[in-house]
Amino acid sequence: MSGQLIGQLILWLIVVVVVIAIIYWVMQWLYRRSTKEIAFVRTGFLGEKVV
């Protein structure tokens, strides 16, 4: 393996890790769990139920 190939491999690994980290951060930022007072619709085994 040449040095250039190893460098490219390391670069792609870094890019993949950064993209995964950004996706994880965006999912954490967008997902907010609602409290019982705020949650009006519950979904489950029998479908949607208005609470």
N, C-alpha and C. Protein backbone atom coordinates (compact mmCIF):
# COMPACT_ATOMS: atom_id res chain seq x y z
N MET A 1 0.85 -1.19 0.00
CA MET A 1 0.00 0.00 0.00
C MET A 1 0.89 1.24 0.00
N SER A 2 0.52 2.15 -0.84
CA SER A 2 1.30 3.38 -0.90
C SER A 2 0.81 4.36 0.16
N GLY A 3 1.63 5.34 0.43
CA GLY A 3 1.27 6.35 1.43
C GLY A 3 0.06 7.15 1.04
N GLN A 4 -0.09 7.39 -0.27
CA GLN A 4 -1.24 8.16 -0.73
C GLN A 4 -2.54 7.39 -0.50
N LEU A 5 -2.53 6.09 -0.71
CA LEU A 5 -3.72 5.27 -0.50
C LEU A 5 -4.11 5.24 0.97
N ILE A 6 -3.12 5.12 1.84
CA ILE A 6 -3.39 5.12 3.29
C ILE A 6 -3.95 6.47 3.72
N GLY A 7 -3.39 7.55 3.19
CA GLY A 7 -3.89 8.88 3.50
C GLY A 7 -5.32 9.08 3.07
N GLN A 8 -5.65 8.57 1.86
CA GLN A 8 -7.02 8.68 1.38
C GLN A 8 -7.97 7.87 2.25
N LEU A 9 -7.55 6.69 2.67
CA LEU A 9 -8.38 5.86 3.53
C LEU A 9 -8.65 6.54 4.87
N ILE A 10 -7.63 7.13 5.45
CA ILE A 10 -7.80 7.85 6.72
C ILE A 10 -8.72 9.05 6.54
N LEU A 11 -8.57 9.76 5.42
CA LEU A 11 -9.43 10.91 5.15
C LEU A 11 -10.90 10.48 5.04
N TRP A 12 -11.18 9.40 4.33
CA TRP A 12 -12.55 8.93 4.20
C TRP A 12 -13.11 8.47 5.53
N LEU A 13 -12.29 7.83 6.36
CA LEU A 13 -12.76 7.42 7.68
C LEU A 13 -13.13 8.63 8.53
N ILE A 14 -12.32 9.67 8.47
CA ILE A 14 -12.61 10.90 9.22
C ILE A 14 -13.91 11.53 8.73
N VAL A 15 -14.09 11.57 7.40
CA VAL A 15 -15.31 12.16 6.83
C VAL A 15 -16.54 11.37 7.28
N VAL A 16 -16.46 10.04 7.27
CA VAL A 16 -17.59 9.21 7.68
C VAL A 16 -17.92 9.44 9.16
N VAL A 17 -16.90 9.52 10.01
CA VAL A 17 -17.13 9.74 11.44
C VAL A 17 -17.77 11.11 11.67
N VAL A 18 -17.31 12.13 10.96
CA VAL A 18 -17.88 13.47 11.11
C VAL A 18 -19.34 13.49 10.65
N VAL A 19 -19.64 12.84 9.54
CA VAL A 19 -21.02 12.81 9.04
C VAL A 19 -21.93 12.09 10.03
N ILE A 20 -21.47 10.97 10.58
CA ILE A 20 -22.27 10.24 11.57
C ILE A 20 -22.49 11.10 12.81
N ALA A 21 -21.45 11.82 13.24
CA ALA A 21 -21.58 12.68 14.42
C ALA A 21 -22.58 13.81 14.16
N ILE A 22 -22.56 14.38 12.97
CA ILE A 22 -23.50 15.47 12.63
C ILE A 22 -24.93 14.93 12.60
N ILE A 23 -25.13 13.76 12.01
CA ILE A 23 -26.47 13.17 11.97
C ILE A 23 -26.97 12.89 13.38
N TYR A 24 -26.11 12.36 14.22
CA TYR A 24 -26.49 12.08 15.61
C TYR A 24 -26.86 13.37 16.34
N TRP A 25 -26.07 14.43 16.14
CA TRP A 25 -26.34 15.70 16.81
C TRP A 25 -27.66 16.29 16.34
N VAL A 26 -27.95 16.22 15.04
CA VAL A 26 -29.20 16.76 14.51
C VAL A 26 -30.39 15.97 15.06
N MET A 27 -30.26 14.64 15.14
CA MET A 27 -31.35 13.84 15.68
C MET A 27 -31.59 14.16 17.15
N GLN A 28 -30.55 14.37 17.92
CA GLN A 28 -30.70 14.74 19.32
C GLN A 28 -31.32 16.13 19.46
N TRP A 29 -30.98 17.03 18.56
CA TRP A 29 -31.48 18.39 18.61
C TRP A 29 -32.96 18.44 18.23
N LEU A 30 -33.37 17.62 17.26
CA LEU A 30 -34.76 17.65 16.80
C LEU A 30 -35.70 16.87 17.71
N TYR A 31 -35.21 15.84 18.35
CA TYR A 31 -36.09 14.97 19.15
C TYR A 31 -36.24 15.53 20.55
N ARG A 32 -37.46 15.89 20.88
CA ARG A 32 -37.76 16.35 22.24
C ARG A 32 -38.95 15.55 22.72
N ARG A 33 -38.80 14.89 23.83
CA ARG A 33 -39.89 14.08 24.37
C ARG A 33 -40.89 15.00 25.08
N SER A 34 -42.16 14.82 24.76
CA SER A 34 -43.18 15.66 25.37
C SER A 34 -43.61 15.08 26.71
N THR A 35 -44.10 15.97 27.55
CA THR A 35 -44.62 15.54 28.85
C THR A 35 -46.04 15.03 28.69
N LYS A 36 -46.60 14.48 29.74
CA LYS A 36 -47.97 13.97 29.68
C LYS A 36 -48.98 15.09 29.46
N GLU A 37 -48.68 16.28 29.95
CA GLU A 37 -49.59 17.40 29.78
C GLU A 37 -49.62 17.89 28.34
N ILE A 38 -48.52 17.72 27.63
CA ILE A 38 -48.43 18.21 26.26
C ILE A 38 -48.88 17.15 25.25
N ALA A 39 -48.65 15.89 25.55
CA ALA A 39 -48.97 14.82 24.61
C ALA A 39 -50.48 14.59 24.56
N PHE A 40 -51.06 14.82 23.40
CA PHE A 40 -52.50 14.66 23.24
C PHE A 40 -52.86 13.35 22.54
N VAL A 41 -52.01 12.90 21.64
CA VAL A 41 -52.28 11.70 20.87
C VAL A 41 -51.27 10.63 21.25
N ARG A 42 -51.77 9.45 21.61
CA ARG A 42 -50.89 8.34 21.95
C ARG A 42 -51.05 7.27 20.88
N THR A 43 -49.96 6.75 20.41
CA THR A 43 -50.02 5.66 19.44
C THR A 43 -49.52 4.40 20.11
N GLY A 44 -50.08 3.31 19.73
CA GLY A 44 -49.67 2.05 20.34
C GLY A 44 -50.28 0.87 19.61
N PHE A 45 -50.57 -0.17 20.34
CA PHE A 45 -51.04 -1.44 19.79
C PHE A 45 -52.34 -1.29 19.00
N LEU A 46 -53.28 -0.54 19.52
CA LEU A 46 -54.59 -0.42 18.88
C LEU A 46 -54.72 0.85 18.04
N GLY A 47 -53.65 1.49 17.70
CA GLY A 47 -53.69 2.68 16.87
C GLY A 47 -53.72 3.94 17.70
N GLU A 48 -54.12 5.04 17.06
CA GLU A 48 -54.10 6.34 17.72
C GLU A 48 -55.29 6.48 18.67
N LYS A 49 -55.03 7.08 19.81
CA LYS A 49 -56.08 7.40 20.77
C LYS A 49 -55.86 8.83 21.24
N VAL A 50 -56.93 9.60 21.25
CA VAL A 50 -56.84 10.96 21.75
C VAL A 50 -57.00 10.92 23.25
N VAL A 51 -56.06 11.54 23.94
CA VAL A 51 -56.07 11.51 25.41
C VAL A 51 -56.64 12.82 25.91
